[in-house]
Amino acid sequence: QMVHLGAADLLYVLLPNAMLLGSSMCRLDEWSSCKAFVCSLHFCQFSSAMVEVHIAAGLTAAVFHHAGSIAVLERSLCGVWAVSMAVAALDFATTSVYVDSAVPVMLMCTNMSPVCAIWLAVCLASGFILYCIGVFQSRRWVGDAAMRRTVMRAALFPVNYFLTFGLLAVYNLWEVSQIALPAFLLASINGA
C-alpha cells in the first residue's frame, strides 16, 4: 500500500508537469493545455485518496482480525488505479476550466470540478470513518505503552488525511481562490 501511495504522490508531481511540457511542445492551445493539466492532477489526487482509503480499510480489517477482508484488499489494490482512471474520465467530461493568460503558467489554470470535490469528500469521509472504527476497536485491546503509542499514531492518520484532501475538496467544489495555494501545498506534502 505504501508503494502505491508513494507512486500516486510521485505521479502527482510528475504527471501534471509532463502534461504542461508536452502540451507546450505539441503547441496545444491554452484551454486544452489547462484541461490536460487539471485532469491529470485530479487523476493523481483520486489515486492518492483511494490508496489512503485502502490503507484505512486494511487497518480496520486487521484490527477486527477479518482475514477474508484482508485477502480481498490485497488482491484489489491494483483496482484502485482502474477506478481512479474511470473517475478521472468522468471528471474530464464535467470539469470547467478557466484560463487566465495574465498570470504565470502554473497559476493560469483554474477549474470547477464537482466530480473531484465529491469524490475527494467521499474518500475523506469513508477513510475517516474506517480509521475511527479501527482506532476505536484497537483501543479496547490496548494494554501496554508501546501499543498505546501505535494506536495514537494511527489516530493521527485521519487528521493527516483531512489536511491532505479536505481543502482540495472545498477548492474543487466552490473554487475558493484564497485556499488554492494552501490546498495544493498540503496535497503536495501529503498533509504534513
N, C-alpha and C. Protein backbone atom coordinates (compact mmCIF):
# COMPACT_ATOMS: atom_id res chain seq x y z
N GLN A 1 0.81 -1.19 0.00
CA GLN A 1 0.00 0.00 0.00
C GLN A 1 0.85 1.26 0.00
N MET A 2 1.92 1.24 0.76
CA MET A 2 2.78 2.42 0.83
C MET A 2 3.48 2.67 -0.49
N VAL A 3 3.82 1.60 -1.21
CA VAL A 3 4.44 1.76 -2.54
C VAL A 3 3.45 2.42 -3.49
N HIS A 4 2.20 1.98 -3.44
CA HIS A 4 1.18 2.58 -4.30
C HIS A 4 0.93 4.04 -3.93
N LEU A 5 0.91 4.32 -2.63
CA LEU A 5 0.73 5.70 -2.18
C LEU A 5 1.90 6.56 -2.63
N GLY A 6 3.11 6.04 -2.50
CA GLY A 6 4.29 6.77 -2.96
C GLY A 6 4.26 7.00 -4.46
N ALA A 7 3.80 5.99 -5.22
CA ALA A 7 3.69 6.14 -6.68
C ALA A 7 2.66 7.20 -7.04
N ALA A 8 1.52 7.20 -6.34
CA ALA A 8 0.49 8.21 -6.60
C ALA A 8 1.01 9.61 -6.28
N ASP A 9 1.72 9.73 -5.18
CA ASP A 9 2.26 11.05 -4.81
C ASP A 9 3.36 11.50 -5.76
N LEU A 10 4.17 10.56 -6.24
CA LEU A 10 5.20 10.91 -7.23
C LEU A 10 4.56 11.33 -8.54
N LEU A 11 3.54 10.60 -8.95
CA LEU A 11 2.81 10.99 -10.17
C LEU A 11 2.17 12.36 -10.02
N TYR A 12 1.74 12.68 -8.81
CA TYR A 12 1.12 13.99 -8.54
C TYR A 12 2.08 15.12 -8.89
N VAL A 13 3.36 14.87 -8.72
CA VAL A 13 4.37 15.87 -9.04
C VAL A 13 4.75 15.80 -10.53
N LEU A 14 4.94 14.60 -11.04
CA LEU A 14 5.48 14.44 -12.39
C LEU A 14 4.46 14.57 -13.51
N LEU A 15 3.31 13.91 -13.37
CA LEU A 15 2.35 13.83 -14.48
C LEU A 15 1.80 15.19 -14.92
N PRO A 16 1.29 16.02 -14.00
CA PRO A 16 0.78 17.32 -14.46
C PRO A 16 1.86 18.19 -15.11
N ASN A 17 3.06 18.13 -14.58
CA ASN A 17 4.14 18.92 -15.18
C ASN A 17 4.52 18.38 -16.56
N ALA A 18 4.48 17.06 -16.72
CA ALA A 18 4.73 16.47 -18.03
C ALA A 18 3.64 16.88 -19.01
N MET A 19 2.41 16.98 -18.52
CA MET A 19 1.31 17.43 -19.38
C MET A 19 1.54 18.86 -19.85
N LEU A 20 1.97 19.72 -18.94
CA LEU A 20 2.25 21.11 -19.32
C LEU A 20 3.37 21.18 -20.35
N LEU A 21 4.44 20.44 -20.09
CA LEU A 21 5.57 20.43 -21.01
C LEU A 21 5.18 19.85 -22.35
N GLY A 22 4.47 18.72 -22.32
CA GLY A 22 4.05 18.08 -23.57
C GLY A 22 3.11 18.94 -24.38
N SER A 23 2.17 19.60 -23.71
CA SER A 23 1.22 20.43 -24.45
C SER A 23 1.90 21.66 -25.03
N SER A 24 2.93 22.17 -24.37
CA SER A 24 3.65 23.31 -24.95
C SER A 24 4.49 22.86 -26.13
N MET A 25 5.05 21.64 -26.04
CA MET A 25 5.84 21.13 -27.16
C MET A 25 4.95 20.78 -28.35
N CYS A 26 3.72 20.33 -28.08
CA CYS A 26 2.78 19.99 -29.15
C CYS A 26 2.00 21.21 -29.63
N ARG A 27 2.28 22.33 -29.03
CA ARG A 27 1.64 23.60 -29.38
C ARG A 27 0.11 23.55 -29.28
N LEU A 28 -0.37 22.97 -28.18
CA LEU A 28 -1.80 22.97 -27.93
C LEU A 28 -2.23 24.34 -27.45
N ASP A 29 -3.49 24.67 -27.68
CA ASP A 29 -3.99 25.95 -27.20
C ASP A 29 -4.05 25.92 -25.67
N GLU A 30 -4.16 27.09 -25.06
CA GLU A 30 -4.10 27.20 -23.60
C GLU A 30 -5.21 26.43 -22.91
N TRP A 31 -6.42 26.44 -23.48
CA TRP A 31 -7.54 25.75 -22.85
C TRP A 31 -7.27 24.24 -22.81
N SER A 32 -6.81 23.67 -23.91
CA SER A 32 -6.51 22.23 -23.96
C SER A 32 -5.38 21.87 -23.00
N SER A 33 -4.38 22.73 -22.95
CA SER A 33 -3.27 22.50 -22.02
C SER A 33 -3.76 22.51 -20.59
N CYS A 34 -4.60 23.48 -20.25
CA CYS A 34 -5.14 23.56 -18.89
C CYS A 34 -6.01 22.36 -18.58
N LYS A 35 -6.84 21.94 -19.53
CA LYS A 35 -7.72 20.79 -19.30
C LYS A 35 -6.88 19.54 -19.03
N ALA A 36 -5.83 19.32 -19.83
CA ALA A 36 -4.95 18.16 -19.62
C ALA A 36 -4.24 18.26 -18.27
N PHE A 37 -3.76 19.45 -17.93
CA PHE A 37 -3.07 19.65 -16.66
C PHE A 37 -3.99 19.37 -15.48
N VAL A 38 -5.17 19.96 -15.47
CA VAL A 38 -6.11 19.83 -14.36
C VAL A 38 -6.57 18.38 -14.22
N CYS A 39 -6.91 17.74 -15.33
CA CYS A 39 -7.41 16.37 -15.24
C CYS A 39 -6.32 15.38 -14.83
N SER A 40 -5.08 15.62 -15.25
CA SER A 40 -4.00 14.73 -14.79
C SER A 40 -3.74 14.95 -13.30
N LEU A 41 -3.85 16.18 -12.85
CA LEU A 41 -3.71 16.49 -11.43
C LEU A 41 -4.81 15.79 -10.62
N HIS A 42 -6.02 15.84 -11.13
CA HIS A 42 -7.14 15.20 -10.44
C HIS A 42 -6.98 13.68 -10.41
N PHE A 43 -6.51 13.08 -11.49
CA PHE A 43 -6.29 11.63 -11.51
C PHE A 43 -5.33 11.23 -10.38
N CYS A 44 -4.28 12.00 -10.21
CA CYS A 44 -3.31 11.70 -9.14
C CYS A 44 -3.93 11.89 -7.77
N GLN A 45 -4.76 12.91 -7.61
CA GLN A 45 -5.46 13.12 -6.34
C GLN A 45 -6.41 11.97 -6.06
N PHE A 46 -7.13 11.51 -7.09
CA PHE A 46 -8.05 10.38 -6.90
C PHE A 46 -7.29 9.14 -6.47
N SER A 47 -6.19 8.88 -7.14
CA SER A 47 -5.40 7.68 -6.84
C SER A 47 -4.88 7.73 -5.40
N SER A 48 -4.32 8.85 -5.03
CA SER A 48 -3.78 9.01 -3.67
C SER A 48 -4.88 8.88 -2.63
N ALA A 49 -6.02 9.52 -2.86
CA ALA A 49 -7.13 9.45 -1.90
C ALA A 49 -7.66 8.03 -1.77
N MET A 50 -7.73 7.31 -2.90
CA MET A 50 -8.24 5.94 -2.84
C MET A 50 -7.25 5.00 -2.15
N VAL A 51 -5.97 5.21 -2.34
CA VAL A 51 -4.98 4.38 -1.63
C VAL A 51 -5.08 4.66 -0.13
N GLU A 52 -5.31 5.90 0.24
CA GLU A 52 -5.49 6.22 1.66
C GLU A 52 -6.70 5.50 2.24
N VAL A 53 -7.80 5.43 1.48
CA VAL A 53 -8.98 4.69 1.94
C VAL A 53 -8.65 3.20 2.05
N HIS A 54 -7.88 2.71 1.09
CA HIS A 54 -7.47 1.30 1.10
C HIS A 54 -6.64 1.00 2.36
N ILE A 55 -5.75 1.92 2.71
CA ILE A 55 -4.94 1.75 3.92
C ILE A 55 -5.84 1.75 5.16
N ALA A 56 -6.82 2.65 5.20
CA ALA A 56 -7.75 2.71 6.33
C ALA A 56 -8.56 1.41 6.42
N ALA A 57 -8.99 0.89 5.28
CA ALA A 57 -9.73 -0.37 5.26
C ALA A 57 -8.84 -1.51 5.75
N GLY A 58 -7.57 -1.49 5.37
CA GLY A 58 -6.64 -2.52 5.83
C GLY A 58 -6.44 -2.47 7.34
N LEU A 59 -6.31 -1.26 7.88
CA LEU A 59 -6.18 -1.10 9.33
C LEU A 59 -7.40 -1.66 10.04
N THR A 60 -8.57 -1.30 9.55
CA THR A 60 -9.81 -1.75 10.18
C THR A 60 -9.95 -3.27 10.08
N ALA A 61 -9.66 -3.84 8.92
CA ALA A 61 -9.74 -5.29 8.76
C ALA A 61 -8.75 -6.01 9.67
N ALA A 62 -7.56 -5.45 9.80
CA ALA A 62 -6.54 -6.07 10.66
C ALA A 62 -6.95 -6.01 12.13
N VAL A 63 -7.51 -4.89 12.55
CA VAL A 63 -7.91 -4.73 13.95
C VAL A 63 -9.05 -5.70 14.30
N PHE A 64 -9.94 -5.92 13.34
CA PHE A 64 -11.04 -6.84 13.58
C PHE A 64 -10.65 -8.30 13.27
N HIS A 65 -9.39 -8.52 12.87
CA HIS A 65 -8.88 -9.85 12.54
C HIS A 65 -9.76 -10.54 11.49
N HIS A 66 -10.14 -9.79 10.45
CA HIS A 66 -11.00 -10.33 9.41
C HIS A 66 -10.15 -10.72 8.20
N ALA A 67 -9.71 -11.97 8.19
CA ALA A 67 -8.78 -12.46 7.17
C ALA A 67 -9.37 -12.37 5.77
N GLY A 68 -10.66 -12.61 5.62
CA GLY A 68 -11.30 -12.54 4.30
C GLY A 68 -11.20 -11.14 3.71
N SER A 69 -11.45 -10.13 4.52
CA SER A 69 -11.36 -8.74 4.04
C SER A 69 -9.92 -8.39 3.69
N ILE A 70 -8.99 -8.86 4.49
CA ILE A 70 -7.58 -8.58 4.22
C ILE A 70 -7.17 -9.20 2.89
N ALA A 71 -7.63 -10.43 2.63
CA ALA A 71 -7.31 -11.09 1.36
C ALA A 71 -7.90 -10.34 0.18
N VAL A 72 -9.13 -9.87 0.30
CA VAL A 72 -9.76 -9.09 -0.78
C VAL A 72 -8.99 -7.79 -0.99
N LEU A 73 -8.62 -7.13 0.09
CA LEU A 73 -7.87 -5.87 -0.02
C LEU A 73 -6.52 -6.08 -0.70
N GLU A 74 -5.84 -7.18 -0.38
CA GLU A 74 -4.55 -7.46 -1.01
C GLU A 74 -4.70 -7.65 -2.52
N ARG A 75 -5.78 -8.29 -2.94
CA ARG A 75 -5.99 -8.52 -4.37
C ARG A 75 -6.54 -7.31 -5.10
N SER A 76 -7.14 -6.39 -4.38
CA SER A 76 -7.83 -5.28 -5.03
C SER A 76 -7.00 -4.00 -5.14
N LEU A 77 -5.79 -3.99 -4.65
CA LEU A 77 -5.01 -2.75 -4.62
C LEU A 77 -4.78 -2.18 -6.02
N CYS A 78 -4.53 -3.03 -6.99
CA CYS A 78 -4.32 -2.52 -8.35
C CYS A 78 -5.61 -1.95 -8.94
N GLY A 79 -6.75 -2.40 -8.44
CA GLY A 79 -8.02 -1.87 -8.91
C GLY A 79 -8.22 -0.41 -8.56
N VAL A 80 -7.49 0.06 -7.57
CA VAL A 80 -7.55 1.48 -7.20
C VAL A 80 -7.21 2.35 -8.41
N TRP A 81 -6.21 1.94 -9.17
CA TRP A 81 -5.78 2.71 -10.33
C TRP A 81 -6.85 2.71 -11.42
N ALA A 82 -7.50 1.57 -11.63
CA ALA A 82 -8.55 1.48 -12.65
C ALA A 82 -9.75 2.34 -12.27
N VAL A 83 -10.15 2.28 -11.01
CA VAL A 83 -11.27 3.10 -10.55
C VAL A 83 -10.90 4.58 -10.65
N SER A 84 -9.67 4.92 -10.29
CA SER A 84 -9.22 6.31 -10.40
C SER A 84 -9.26 6.80 -11.84
N MET A 85 -8.89 5.92 -12.77
CA MET A 85 -8.93 6.28 -14.19
C MET A 85 -10.38 6.51 -14.64
N ALA A 86 -11.30 5.66 -14.19
CA ALA A 86 -12.71 5.82 -14.55
C ALA A 86 -13.28 7.12 -13.99
N VAL A 87 -12.96 7.41 -12.74
CA VAL A 87 -13.44 8.66 -12.14
C VAL A 87 -12.80 9.86 -12.84
N ALA A 88 -11.54 9.72 -13.23
CA ALA A 88 -10.86 10.81 -13.95
C ALA A 88 -11.51 11.06 -15.31
N ALA A 89 -11.98 10.00 -15.97
CA ALA A 89 -12.67 10.17 -17.25
C ALA A 89 -13.98 10.95 -17.05
N LEU A 90 -14.72 10.61 -16.00
CA LEU A 90 -15.94 11.36 -15.68
C LEU A 90 -15.60 12.80 -15.31
N ASP A 91 -14.53 12.96 -14.57
CA ASP A 91 -14.07 14.29 -14.18
C ASP A 91 -13.70 15.12 -15.42
N PHE A 92 -13.02 14.50 -16.37
CA PHE A 92 -12.62 15.19 -17.60
C PHE A 92 -13.85 15.73 -18.33
N ALA A 93 -14.92 14.95 -18.35
CA ALA A 93 -16.12 15.35 -19.06
C ALA A 93 -16.89 16.46 -18.35
N THR A 94 -16.71 16.60 -17.04
CA THR A 94 -17.54 17.55 -16.28
C THR A 94 -16.78 18.75 -15.72
N THR A 95 -15.47 18.76 -15.80
CA THR A 95 -14.69 19.86 -15.24
C THR A 95 -14.74 21.09 -16.13
N SER A 96 -15.01 22.23 -15.51
CA SER A 96 -14.95 23.51 -16.21
C SER A 96 -13.57 24.11 -15.96
N VAL A 97 -12.88 24.46 -17.04
CA VAL A 97 -11.53 25.02 -16.93
C VAL A 97 -11.56 26.46 -17.40
N TYR A 98 -10.88 27.32 -16.64
CA TYR A 98 -10.78 28.73 -16.98
C TYR A 98 -9.31 29.08 -17.12
N VAL A 99 -8.99 29.83 -18.16
CA VAL A 99 -7.61 30.19 -18.44
C VAL A 99 -7.43 31.68 -18.23
N ASP A 100 -6.38 32.04 -17.49
CA ASP A 100 -6.02 33.43 -17.28
C ASP A 100 -4.58 33.60 -17.75
N SER A 101 -4.41 34.09 -18.96
CA SER A 101 -3.08 34.21 -19.56
C SER A 101 -2.22 35.29 -18.93
N ALA A 102 -2.82 36.12 -18.08
CA ALA A 102 -2.08 37.23 -17.49
C ALA A 102 -1.21 36.80 -16.31
N VAL A 103 -1.32 35.56 -15.88
CA VAL A 103 -0.55 35.08 -14.74
C VAL A 103 0.44 34.02 -15.21
N PRO A 104 1.43 33.66 -14.37
CA PRO A 104 2.39 32.62 -14.76
C PRO A 104 1.71 31.30 -15.10
N VAL A 105 2.36 30.50 -15.92
CA VAL A 105 1.77 29.28 -16.47
C VAL A 105 1.26 28.33 -15.39
N MET A 106 1.92 28.22 -14.26
CA MET A 106 1.47 27.31 -13.22
C MET A 106 0.20 27.80 -12.51
N LEU A 107 -0.13 29.08 -12.65
CA LEU A 107 -1.31 29.64 -12.00
C LEU A 107 -2.43 29.97 -12.97
N MET A 108 -2.21 29.79 -14.26
CA MET A 108 -3.19 30.25 -15.24
C MET A 108 -4.41 29.36 -15.36
N CYS A 109 -4.35 28.14 -14.86
CA CYS A 109 -5.45 27.19 -14.96
C CYS A 109 -6.24 27.15 -13.66
N THR A 110 -7.48 27.57 -13.71
CA THR A 110 -8.37 27.37 -12.58
C THR A 110 -9.51 26.48 -13.05
N ASN A 111 -10.15 25.84 -12.12
CA ASN A 111 -11.20 24.92 -12.52
C ASN A 111 -12.29 24.84 -11.48
N MET A 112 -13.41 24.30 -11.93
CA MET A 112 -14.50 23.97 -11.05
C MET A 112 -14.89 22.54 -11.38
N SER A 113 -14.66 21.66 -10.43
CA SER A 113 -14.85 20.24 -10.69
C SER A 113 -15.69 19.59 -9.60
N PRO A 114 -17.00 19.49 -9.84
CA PRO A 114 -17.84 18.85 -8.83
C PRO A 114 -17.51 17.38 -8.64
N VAL A 115 -17.11 16.67 -9.70
CA VAL A 115 -16.76 15.25 -9.57
C VAL A 115 -15.55 15.10 -8.64
N CYS A 116 -14.54 15.92 -8.84
CA CYS A 116 -13.35 15.87 -7.99
C CYS A 116 -13.71 16.18 -6.54
N ALA A 117 -14.50 17.21 -6.34
CA ALA A 117 -14.87 17.60 -4.97
C ALA A 117 -15.67 16.49 -4.28
N ILE A 118 -16.64 15.93 -4.99
CA ILE A 118 -17.48 14.89 -4.40
C ILE A 118 -16.66 13.64 -4.14
N TRP A 119 -15.80 13.25 -5.10
CA TRP A 119 -15.00 12.03 -4.92
C TRP A 119 -14.03 12.18 -3.74
N LEU A 120 -13.37 13.32 -3.66
CA LEU A 120 -12.46 13.54 -2.53
C LEU A 120 -13.22 13.56 -1.21
N ALA A 121 -14.41 14.16 -1.20
CA ALA A 121 -15.22 14.19 0.03
C ALA A 121 -15.67 12.78 0.43
N VAL A 122 -16.06 11.97 -0.55
CA VAL A 122 -16.46 10.59 -0.25
C VAL A 122 -15.26 9.80 0.28
N CYS A 123 -14.11 9.94 -0.37
CA CYS A 123 -12.91 9.25 0.11
C CYS A 123 -12.52 9.75 1.50
N LEU A 124 -12.61 11.04 1.71
CA LEU A 124 -12.28 11.63 3.00
C LEU A 124 -13.19 11.07 4.09
N ALA A 125 -14.50 11.07 3.83
CA ALA A 125 -15.46 10.60 4.83
C ALA A 125 -15.30 9.10 5.09
N SER A 126 -15.19 8.30 4.04
CA SER A 126 -15.07 6.86 4.24
C SER A 126 -13.74 6.50 4.91
N GLY A 127 -12.66 7.16 4.51
CA GLY A 127 -11.37 6.91 5.15
C GLY A 127 -11.40 7.31 6.62
N PHE A 128 -12.00 8.44 6.90
CA PHE A 128 -12.09 8.92 8.28
C PHE A 128 -12.90 7.94 9.13
N ILE A 129 -14.02 7.49 8.61
CA ILE A 129 -14.87 6.54 9.34
C ILE A 129 -14.13 5.24 9.58
N LEU A 130 -13.45 4.73 8.54
CA LEU A 130 -12.71 3.48 8.70
C LEU A 130 -11.59 3.62 9.73
N TYR A 131 -10.84 4.72 9.67
CA TYR A 131 -9.79 4.95 10.67
C TYR A 131 -10.36 5.03 12.07
N CYS A 132 -11.44 5.75 12.23
CA CYS A 132 -12.04 5.90 13.56
C CYS A 132 -12.52 4.55 14.09
N ILE A 133 -13.15 3.75 13.24
CA ILE A 133 -13.60 2.42 13.66
C ILE A 133 -12.40 1.58 14.07
N GLY A 134 -11.35 1.61 13.26
CA GLY A 134 -10.15 0.83 13.57
C GLY A 134 -9.48 1.27 14.85
N VAL A 135 -9.36 2.57 15.03
CA VAL A 135 -8.72 3.09 16.25
C VAL A 135 -9.58 2.79 17.47
N PHE A 136 -10.89 2.98 17.35
CA PHE A 136 -11.77 2.70 18.47
C PHE A 136 -11.70 1.23 18.87
N GLN A 137 -11.73 0.34 17.89
CA GLN A 137 -11.66 -1.09 18.18
C GLN A 137 -10.31 -1.47 18.80
N SER A 138 -9.24 -0.91 18.27
CA SER A 138 -7.92 -1.28 18.79
C SER A 138 -7.67 -0.72 20.19
N ARG A 139 -8.28 0.39 20.52
CA ARG A 139 -8.11 0.96 21.87
C ARG A 139 -8.67 0.04 22.95
N ARG A 140 -9.63 -0.78 22.58
CA ARG A 140 -10.20 -1.72 23.54
C ARG A 140 -9.19 -2.78 23.95
N TRP A 141 -8.21 -3.04 23.07
CA TRP A 141 -7.25 -4.09 23.33
C TRP A 141 -5.90 -3.56 23.81
N VAL A 142 -5.79 -2.25 23.91
CA VAL A 142 -4.52 -1.67 24.29
C VAL A 142 -4.21 -2.01 25.74
N GLY A 143 -3.01 -2.55 25.94
CA GLY A 143 -2.63 -2.89 27.29
C GLY A 143 -1.32 -2.26 27.70
N ASP A 144 -0.37 -2.23 26.80
CA ASP A 144 0.94 -1.72 27.18
C ASP A 144 1.22 -0.38 26.50
N ALA A 145 2.28 0.26 26.93
CA ALA A 145 2.61 1.59 26.44
C ALA A 145 2.97 1.60 24.95
N ALA A 146 3.64 0.56 24.47
CA ALA A 146 4.02 0.51 23.06
C ALA A 146 2.79 0.44 22.17
N MET A 147 1.83 -0.36 22.56
CA MET A 147 0.60 -0.47 21.78
C MET A 147 -0.18 0.84 21.83
N ARG A 148 -0.16 1.50 22.97
CA ARG A 148 -0.84 2.79 23.10
C ARG A 148 -0.23 3.82 22.15
N ARG A 149 1.10 3.84 22.04
CA ARG A 149 1.76 4.77 21.11
C ARG A 149 1.38 4.45 19.67
N THR A 150 1.33 3.18 19.34
CA THR A 150 0.95 2.77 17.99
C THR A 150 -0.48 3.21 17.66
N VAL A 151 -1.36 3.04 18.60
CA VAL A 151 -2.75 3.44 18.41
C VAL A 151 -2.84 4.96 18.26
N MET A 152 -2.06 5.69 19.03
CA MET A 152 -2.10 7.16 18.93
C MET A 152 -1.57 7.63 17.57
N ARG A 153 -0.53 6.94 17.06
CA ARG A 153 -0.04 7.27 15.72
C ARG A 153 -1.12 7.00 14.69
N ALA A 154 -1.81 5.89 14.83
CA ALA A 154 -2.89 5.55 13.90
C ALA A 154 -4.02 6.58 13.99
N ALA A 155 -4.23 7.12 15.18
CA ALA A 155 -5.28 8.12 15.36
C ALA A 155 -4.95 9.42 14.63
N LEU A 156 -3.68 9.66 14.35
CA LEU A 156 -3.29 10.88 13.63
C LEU A 156 -3.51 10.77 12.12
N PHE A 157 -3.68 9.55 11.61
CA PHE A 157 -3.90 9.39 10.18
C PHE A 157 -5.13 10.15 9.68
N PRO A 158 -6.29 10.10 10.38
CA PRO A 158 -7.44 10.86 9.88
C PRO A 158 -7.16 12.37 9.82
N VAL A 159 -6.41 12.87 10.77
CA VAL A 159 -6.06 14.29 10.75
C VAL A 159 -5.21 14.61 9.53
N ASN A 160 -4.20 13.79 9.27
CA ASN A 160 -3.35 13.97 8.10
C ASN A 160 -4.18 13.86 6.81
N TYR A 161 -5.08 12.91 6.79
CA TYR A 161 -5.92 12.69 5.61
C TYR A 161 -6.78 13.92 5.34
N PHE A 162 -7.38 14.48 6.40
CA PHE A 162 -8.20 15.68 6.24
C PHE A 162 -7.35 16.85 5.76
N LEU A 163 -6.17 17.02 6.34
CA LEU A 163 -5.29 18.11 5.92
C LEU A 163 -4.88 17.96 4.46
N THR A 164 -4.68 16.71 4.02
CA THR A 164 -4.24 16.47 2.65
C THR A 164 -5.35 16.76 1.65
N PHE A 165 -6.56 16.27 1.90
CA PHE A 165 -7.60 16.32 0.88
C PHE A 165 -8.79 17.21 1.21
N GLY A 166 -8.94 17.64 2.44
CA GLY A 166 -10.10 18.44 2.82
C GLY A 166 -10.19 19.76 2.07
N LEU A 167 -9.10 20.51 2.06
CA LEU A 167 -9.12 21.79 1.35
C LEU A 167 -9.24 21.62 -0.15
N LEU A 168 -8.68 20.52 -0.71
CA LEU A 168 -8.83 20.27 -2.14
C LEU A 168 -10.29 20.05 -2.51
N ALA A 169 -11.01 19.33 -1.67
CA ALA A 169 -12.43 19.09 -1.93
C ALA A 169 -13.19 20.42 -1.94
N VAL A 170 -12.92 21.27 -0.96
CA VAL A 170 -13.58 22.58 -0.90
C VAL A 170 -13.21 23.42 -2.11
N TYR A 171 -11.93 23.45 -2.46
CA TYR A 171 -11.48 24.24 -3.60
C TYR A 171 -12.14 23.78 -4.90
N ASN A 172 -12.21 22.48 -5.13
CA ASN A 172 -12.76 21.97 -6.38
C ASN A 172 -14.28 22.10 -6.47
N LEU A 173 -14.96 22.25 -5.36
CA LEU A 173 -16.40 22.43 -5.41
C LEU A 173 -16.78 23.89 -5.59
N TRP A 174 -16.16 24.77 -4.83
CA TRP A 174 -16.55 26.17 -4.85
C TRP A 174 -15.50 27.11 -5.42
N GLU A 175 -14.35 26.60 -5.76
CA GLU A 175 -13.23 27.40 -6.29
C GLU A 175 -12.97 28.64 -5.44
N VAL A 176 -12.70 28.43 -4.19
CA VAL A 176 -12.35 29.49 -3.26
C VAL A 176 -10.87 29.79 -3.48
N SER A 177 -10.58 30.84 -4.21
CA SER A 177 -9.20 31.10 -4.63
C SER A 177 -8.26 31.34 -3.45
N GLN A 178 -8.78 31.80 -2.31
CA GLN A 178 -7.93 32.07 -1.16
C GLN A 178 -7.32 30.79 -0.58
N ILE A 179 -7.96 29.65 -0.80
CA ILE A 179 -7.42 28.41 -0.23
C ILE A 179 -6.68 27.57 -1.27
N ALA A 180 -6.57 28.07 -2.50
CA ALA A 180 -5.92 27.28 -3.55
C ALA A 180 -4.47 26.95 -3.19
N LEU A 181 -3.70 27.93 -2.82
CA LEU A 181 -2.29 27.69 -2.51
C LEU A 181 -2.13 26.75 -1.30
N PRO A 182 -2.81 27.01 -0.17
CA PRO A 182 -2.67 26.05 0.94
C PRO A 182 -3.16 24.65 0.58
N ALA A 183 -4.23 24.56 -0.20
CA ALA A 183 -4.76 23.25 -0.59
C ALA A 183 -3.73 22.46 -1.40
N PHE A 184 -3.12 23.11 -2.38
CA PHE A 184 -2.14 22.41 -3.22
C PHE A 184 -0.84 22.14 -2.48
N LEU A 185 -0.46 23.04 -1.60
CA LEU A 185 0.75 22.79 -0.80
C LEU A 185 0.56 21.60 0.13
N LEU A 186 -0.59 21.55 0.81
CA LEU A 186 -0.86 20.44 1.72
C LEU A 186 -0.95 19.12 0.96
N ALA A 187 -1.56 19.15 -0.22
CA ALA A 187 -1.63 17.91 -1.02
C ALA A 187 -0.24 17.51 -1.51
N SER A 188 0.56 18.48 -1.87
CA SER A 188 1.90 18.18 -2.37
C SER A 188 2.80 17.57 -1.29
N ILE A 189 2.63 18.00 -0.05
CA ILE A 189 3.45 17.43 1.02
C ILE A 189 2.69 16.34 1.78
N ASN A 190 1.56 15.92 1.21
CA ASN A 190 0.73 14.84 1.75
C ASN A 190 0.31 15.14 3.19
N GLY A 191 -0.28 16.32 3.38
CA GLY A 191 -0.85 16.68 4.68
C GLY A 191 0.12 17.37 5.59
N ALA A 192 1.21 16.74 5.89
CA ALA A 192 2.18 17.37 6.78
C ALA A 192 3.44 16.68 6.59
